[in-house]
Amino acid sequence: MSFPVPGISKETTHCPDWSSRLHPVDQFPYALGEHSDLFRARGTHETKPRPKLFAIKCLRAGSSSNPNFNSELQKKLVLQGDALAKLTHENICTIRGIVYNTSRFPGIVMDFYEGGSIVNRMKEHSYTNDEKLSWVKQIASGMRYLHRMRPPVVHGDLRGSNIFLNAGGKIVIADVGMVYITDTPEFTMMQSAATARWTAPELMDPKVPRQSTSIEGPDCTTQSDVFAFAMTIVQIFSEALPFRHVNNDTTCIFLILRGQRPELPQYVQGQRSLSSLVGECWVREPSKRPSMTDICWRLGMSASS
């Protein structure tokens, strides 16, 4: 059975089917993610000299013995796409729609960011600590917006590779909630342990019970997002992975579970308020971590910034 699956909703008012609106630019993926391929596309009838580019994030999964996999995946994509397309914040990536004709699996349409993630940006350009601190504040602002939604929107995979700079130099957080779509054997079997460096201990400790048996997908929370935020601060100011001197990603799981944390970058060490904040964000007990609203306040941000 191919996509779109007959009899299953393939779009919503907020997240329409863009299959006929876009023409792919790339024959092969422009970039590869852990469970997706990224293609660039432009409007089908675009005639401008420099047409606006869009990014199509096409899911990539292994084989499945589940006869309902395609229909379940389409339902998830449409529901998640509809929820995310309603988000409006300058630091949160805008979801435009869904496409069904670019790859084997459906794709999510979003804006394309020419320079790539902040990880790529830092490899190619030099940024001051003041600029990096501005990034941190913008990330905090976007995450505060998500967590203030009712119900709160959990990112689930906050890290440098999912954070971009737009043409105006503003931070844009992408891949919000994608973990809830890809948390199936067809996708998790293809994922690496690389994300463990940002993952809160309660999500990796088999002795910690799930907070709610009714939740589908990983038991990510706003508190686990806060933990990942702290690790992202380390990544930004060190321009390296958390636990930069540990080559094995899996080893980081055991380090985090034993209570070890990465060494703070020199700049963060020199800012007492920032180093204290990071330390509170990655404490083992989730309930003792500050909220994103508290974090913004402690970073000197106003209620509207």
Protein backbone atom coordinates (compact mmCIF):
# COMPACT_ATOMS: atom_id res chain seq x y z
CA MET A 1 0.00 0.00 0.00
CA SER A 2 1.38 3.42 -0.96
CA PHE A 3 0.77 6.91 0.38
CA PRO A 4 -1.61 8.60 0.78
CA VAL A 5 -3.54 5.71 2.25
CA PRO A 6 -7.14 5.66 0.92
CA GLY A 7 -9.79 6.35 3.52
CA ILE A 8 -7.32 8.04 5.89
CA SER A 9 -7.26 11.82 6.22
CA LYS A 10 -4.27 13.13 4.28
CA GLU A 11 -4.46 16.80 5.30
CA THR A 12 -6.12 19.35 7.56
CA THR A 13 -7.03 22.99 7.19
CA HIS A 14 -3.89 24.01 9.08
CA CYS A 15 -1.64 21.39 7.47
CA PRO A 16 -2.73 20.97 3.83
CA ASP A 17 -1.48 18.55 1.17
CA TRP A 18 1.27 20.42 -0.73
CA SER A 19 2.08 17.57 -3.12
CA SER A 20 0.94 19.54 -6.18
CA ARG A 21 2.33 22.87 -4.96
CA LEU A 22 6.02 21.96 -4.89
CA HIS A 23 8.61 20.79 -7.38
CA PRO A 24 11.64 19.02 -5.85
CA VAL A 25 15.01 20.62 -6.59
CA ASP A 26 17.09 17.59 -5.58
CA GLN A 27 17.09 14.18 -7.25
CA PHE A 28 18.84 12.75 -4.22
CA PRO A 29 18.55 13.89 -0.56
CA TYR A 30 20.21 17.23 0.16
CA ALA A 31 20.89 16.09 3.72
CA LEU A 32 20.44 12.94 5.78
CA GLY A 33 19.01 12.77 9.29
CA GLU A 34 18.75 9.86 11.68
CA HIS A 35 15.29 8.89 10.50
CA SER A 36 14.60 11.24 7.60
CA ASP A 37 15.92 12.55 4.29
CA LEU A 38 15.78 16.26 3.51
CA PHE A 39 14.95 17.48 0.01
CA ARG A 40 14.75 21.05 -1.23
CA ALA A 41 11.76 22.19 -3.27
CA ARG A 42 10.29 25.32 -4.82
CA GLY A 43 6.80 26.36 -5.78
CA THR A 44 5.44 24.61 -8.88
CA HIS A 45 4.60 27.91 -10.57
CA GLU A 46 7.41 29.98 -9.08
CA THR A 47 8.93 32.36 -11.67
CA LYS A 48 11.09 34.66 -9.53
CA PRO A 49 14.85 34.76 -10.33
CA ARG A 50 15.60 33.45 -6.85
CA PRO A 51 12.52 31.42 -5.88
CA LYS A 52 11.83 30.70 -2.24
CA LEU A 53 13.11 27.31 -1.19
CA PHE A 54 11.26 24.94 1.09
CA ALA A 55 12.57 21.91 2.94
CA ILE A 56 10.77 18.58 2.69
CA LYS A 57 11.60 16.27 5.57
CA CYS A 58 10.76 12.78 4.31
CA LEU A 59 10.66 10.01 6.86
CA ARG A 60 12.85 6.95 6.37
CA ALA A 61 11.88 3.66 8.02
CA GLY A 62 12.88 0.03 7.91
CA SER A 63 10.64 -2.80 6.84
CA SER A 64 7.55 -3.51 8.90
CA SER A 65 5.47 -6.60 9.55
CA ASN A 66 2.65 -4.42 10.84
CA PRO A 67 -0.06 -4.34 8.13
CA ASN A 68 -1.40 -1.10 9.59
CA PHE A 69 1.95 0.71 9.65
CA ASN A 70 1.24 2.99 6.67
CA SER A 71 -2.21 4.03 7.83
CA GLU A 72 -1.01 4.57 11.41
CA LEU A 73 1.95 6.64 10.21
CA GLN A 74 -0.26 8.81 8.02
CA LYS A 75 -2.65 9.41 10.93
CA LYS A 76 0.25 10.42 13.16
CA LEU A 77 1.72 12.75 10.57
CA VAL A 78 -1.55 14.48 9.84
CA LEU A 79 -2.46 14.91 13.51
CA GLN A 80 1.02 16.07 14.50
CA GLY A 81 1.30 18.28 11.44
CA ASP A 82 -2.02 19.94 12.24
CA ALA A 83 -0.95 20.63 15.84
CA LEU A 84 2.46 21.99 14.85
CA ALA A 85 1.15 24.10 11.98
CA LYS A 86 -0.85 26.09 14.53
CA LEU A 87 2.29 27.18 16.38
CA THR A 88 3.25 30.78 15.70
CA HIS A 89 6.46 32.03 17.26
CA GLU A 90 9.49 33.63 15.68
CA ASN A 91 11.81 31.03 17.20
CA ILE A 92 9.75 27.98 16.21
CA CYS A 93 9.93 26.51 12.71
CA THR A 94 6.73 26.99 10.70
CA ILE A 95 5.13 23.83 9.31
CA ARG A 96 3.57 24.47 5.88
CA GLY A 97 1.98 21.14 5.00
CA ILE A 98 2.51 17.51 3.98
CA VAL A 99 3.64 15.97 0.68
CA TYR A 100 3.20 12.42 -0.57
CA ASN A 101 5.13 12.34 -3.84
CA THR A 102 8.76 13.07 -2.97
CA SER A 103 9.91 9.82 -1.38
CA ARG A 104 8.67 6.41 -0.28
CA PHE A 105 7.19 7.97 2.86
CA PRO A 106 5.30 11.23 3.35
CA GLY A 107 7.23 14.42 4.01
CA ILE A 108 6.68 17.48 6.17
CA VAL A 109 7.11 20.86 4.45
CA MET A 110 8.89 23.67 6.25
CA ASP A 111 11.03 26.66 5.38
CA PHE A 112 14.56 25.97 4.16
CA TYR A 113 17.46 27.54 6.09
CA GLU A 114 20.41 28.04 3.77
CA GLY A 115 23.19 27.93 6.34
CA GLY A 116 22.00 24.76 8.04
CA SER A 117 21.94 24.14 11.76
CA ILE A 118 23.88 26.15 14.31
CA VAL A 119 26.26 23.17 14.50
CA ASN A 120 27.16 23.70 10.84
CA ARG A 121 27.21 27.48 11.26
CA MET A 122 29.76 27.27 14.07
CA LYS A 123 32.02 25.10 11.90
CA GLU A 124 32.00 27.68 9.13
CA HIS A 125 31.86 31.00 11.01
CA SER A 126 33.16 32.49 14.23
CA TYR A 127 30.59 33.77 16.72
CA THR A 128 31.17 35.83 19.85
CA ASN A 129 30.01 34.72 23.27
CA ASP A 130 27.50 37.56 23.24
CA GLU A 131 26.01 36.21 20.01
CA LYS A 132 25.87 32.71 21.48
CA LEU A 133 24.19 34.02 24.62
CA SER A 134 21.61 35.67 22.36
CA TRP A 135 21.02 32.26 20.76
CA VAL A 136 20.51 30.71 24.19
CA LYS A 137 17.93 33.36 25.07
CA GLN A 138 16.08 32.86 21.80
CA ILE A 139 16.03 29.10 22.30
CA ALA A 140 14.67 29.67 25.80
CA SER A 141 11.99 31.99 24.41
CA GLY A 142 10.87 29.43 21.85
CA MET A 143 10.82 26.62 24.40
CA ARG A 144 8.90 28.78 26.88
CA TYR A 145 6.28 29.35 24.18
CA LEU A 146 5.95 25.59 23.59
CA HIS A 147 5.74 24.75 27.28
CA ARG A 148 3.13 27.45 27.91
CA MET A 149 0.74 25.92 25.40
CA ARG A 150 -2.26 24.10 26.83
CA PRO A 151 -1.52 21.27 26.92
CA PRO A 152 2.24 21.94 26.90
CA VAL A 153 4.07 21.04 23.70
CA VAL A 154 7.15 18.94 24.41
CA HIS A 155 9.99 19.08 21.90
CA GLY A 156 11.56 15.77 22.85
CA ASP A 157 14.80 16.15 20.87
CA LEU A 158 16.26 19.58 21.58
CA ARG A 159 19.91 19.84 20.46
CA GLY A 160 22.09 21.89 18.18
CA SER A 161 21.39 19.91 15.02
CA ASN A 162 17.68 20.78 15.32
CA ILE A 163 18.29 24.52 15.78
CA PHE A 164 18.76 26.83 12.79
CA LEU A 165 19.41 30.46 11.90
CA ASN A 166 17.04 32.10 9.44
CA ALA A 167 17.98 34.70 6.84
CA GLY A 168 17.60 37.43 9.45
CA GLY A 169 19.97 35.72 11.88
CA LYS A 170 17.20 34.64 14.26
CA ILE A 171 17.13 31.25 15.96
CA VAL A 172 14.53 28.77 14.69
CA ILE A 173 13.85 25.51 16.53
CA ALA A 174 12.83 22.60 14.29
CA ASP A 175 11.71 18.97 14.68
CA VAL A 176 9.28 19.79 17.48
CA GLY A 177 7.52 16.61 18.59
CA MET A 178 9.04 14.41 15.86
CA VAL A 179 9.93 11.80 18.49
CA TYR A 180 6.23 11.00 18.82
CA ILE A 181 6.03 10.10 15.13
CA THR A 182 9.22 8.06 14.93
CA ASP A 183 8.88 6.13 18.20
CA THR A 184 8.13 2.80 16.54
CA PRO A 185 10.38 -0.20 15.83
CA GLU A 186 10.46 0.76 12.14
CA PHE A 187 12.24 4.00 13.04
CA THR A 188 14.00 3.35 16.36
CA MET A 189 15.86 0.39 14.91
CA MET A 190 17.61 2.85 12.61
CA GLN A 191 18.47 5.46 15.22
CA SER A 192 21.87 5.75 16.84
CA ALA A 193 22.78 6.44 20.45
CA ALA A 194 23.94 9.93 19.48
CA THR A 195 20.95 11.63 21.07
CA ALA A 196 21.87 10.13 24.45
CA ARG A 197 24.18 13.08 25.15
CA TRP A 198 21.12 15.35 25.50
CA THR A 199 18.75 12.82 27.05
CA ALA A 200 17.58 13.20 30.65
CA PRO A 201 18.43 10.28 32.96
CA GLU A 202 14.80 9.44 33.74
CA LEU A 203 14.25 8.64 30.05
CA MET A 204 17.16 6.19 29.95
CA ASP A 205 16.88 4.53 33.36
CA PRO A 206 14.90 1.26 33.09
CA LYS A 207 14.18 1.45 36.84
CA VAL A 208 12.20 4.68 36.45
CA PRO A 209 8.52 3.92 35.77
CA ARG A 210 6.67 5.76 33.02
CA GLN A 211 4.86 8.80 34.36
CA SER A 212 1.70 7.88 32.46
CA THR A 213 0.79 4.60 30.85
CA SER A 214 -1.68 6.46 28.63
CA ILE A 215 1.01 8.42 26.79
CA GLU A 216 1.87 7.14 23.33
CA GLY A 217 5.50 7.34 22.36
CA PRO A 218 8.48 8.24 24.54
CA ASP A 219 7.80 9.63 28.00
CA CYS A 220 9.39 12.98 27.26
CA THR A 221 8.34 15.92 29.43
CA THR A 222 8.91 19.63 29.77
CA GLN A 223 11.49 18.72 32.44
CA SER A 224 13.41 16.47 30.05
CA ASP A 225 13.39 19.37 27.56
CA VAL A 226 14.99 21.53 30.26
CA PHE A 227 17.74 18.92 30.71
CA ALA A 228 18.37 18.94 26.96
CA PHE A 229 18.43 22.75 27.02
CA ALA A 230 21.31 22.65 29.52
CA MET A 231 23.24 20.23 27.31
CA THR A 232 22.58 22.49 24.32
CA ILE A 233 24.10 25.44 26.20
CA VAL A 234 27.24 23.35 26.69
CA GLN A 235 27.21 22.45 23.00
CA ILE A 236 26.86 26.07 21.90
CA PHE A 237 29.63 27.55 24.06
CA SER A 238 32.05 24.64 23.62
CA GLU A 239 31.25 24.24 19.90
CA ALA A 240 31.40 20.51 20.52
CA LEU A 241 29.21 17.64 21.66
CA PRO A 242 28.44 17.33 25.37
CA PHE A 243 31.06 14.96 26.84
CA ARG A 244 33.33 16.02 23.98
CA HIS A 245 36.16 13.78 25.17
CA VAL A 246 33.99 10.64 25.20
CA ASN A 247 34.06 8.98 21.77
CA ASN A 248 31.43 6.32 22.44
CA ASP A 249 27.90 7.72 22.51
CA THR A 250 26.61 4.75 24.48
CA THR A 251 29.13 5.43 27.23
CA CYS A 252 27.45 8.78 27.81
CA ILE A 253 24.28 6.97 28.88
CA PHE A 254 26.11 5.37 31.79
CA LEU A 255 27.88 8.63 32.68
CA ILE A 256 24.57 10.52 32.86
CA LEU A 257 22.90 7.77 34.87
CA ARG A 258 25.83 7.84 37.33
CA GLY A 259 25.29 11.56 37.83
CA GLN A 260 28.23 12.80 35.78
CA ARG A 261 27.80 15.86 33.62
CA PRO A 262 29.97 17.51 30.94
CA GLU A 263 32.61 20.04 31.90
CA LEU A 264 31.23 23.54 31.59
CA PRO A 265 32.78 25.66 28.82
CA GLN A 266 35.13 28.37 30.07
CA TYR A 267 32.70 31.19 29.30
CA VAL A 268 29.88 29.50 31.21
CA GLN A 269 32.20 28.86 34.16
CA GLY A 270 32.98 32.57 34.26
CA GLN A 271 29.31 33.57 34.41
CA ARG A 272 28.16 32.55 37.88
CA SER A 273 24.45 33.00 37.19
CA LEU A 274 24.63 31.04 33.93
CA SER A 275 26.71 28.20 35.37
CA SER A 276 24.33 27.94 38.32
CA LEU A 277 21.36 27.83 35.96
CA VAL A 278 22.88 25.06 33.86
CA GLY A 279 23.60 23.06 36.99
CA GLU A 280 19.99 23.31 38.11
CA CYS A 281 18.68 22.38 34.65
CA TRP A 282 20.46 19.03 34.60
CA VAL A 283 19.88 17.82 38.17
CA ARG A 284 18.72 14.21 38.32
CA GLU A 285 15.31 14.89 39.92
CA PRO A 286 13.04 16.29 37.18
CA SER A 287 10.79 18.19 39.59
CA LYS A 288 13.77 20.20 40.87
CA ARG A 289 14.64 21.59 37.44
CA PRO A 290 13.47 25.15 36.73
CA SER A 291 10.69 25.75 34.22
CA MET A 292 11.42 27.51 30.93
CA THR A 293 9.53 30.53 32.28
CA ASP A 294 11.91 30.63 35.27
CA ILE A 295 14.87 30.15 32.95
CA CYS A 296 13.86 33.11 30.80
CA TRP A 297 13.49 35.28 33.89
CA ARG A 298 16.91 34.26 35.17
CA LEU A 299 18.43 35.03 31.77
CA GLY A 300 17.16 38.57 32.18
CA MET A 301 14.36 38.28 29.65
CA SER A 302 11.03 40.06 29.91
CA ALA A 303 7.74 38.20 29.88
CA SER A 304 7.23 39.03 26.21
CA SER A 305 10.77 38.58 24.91
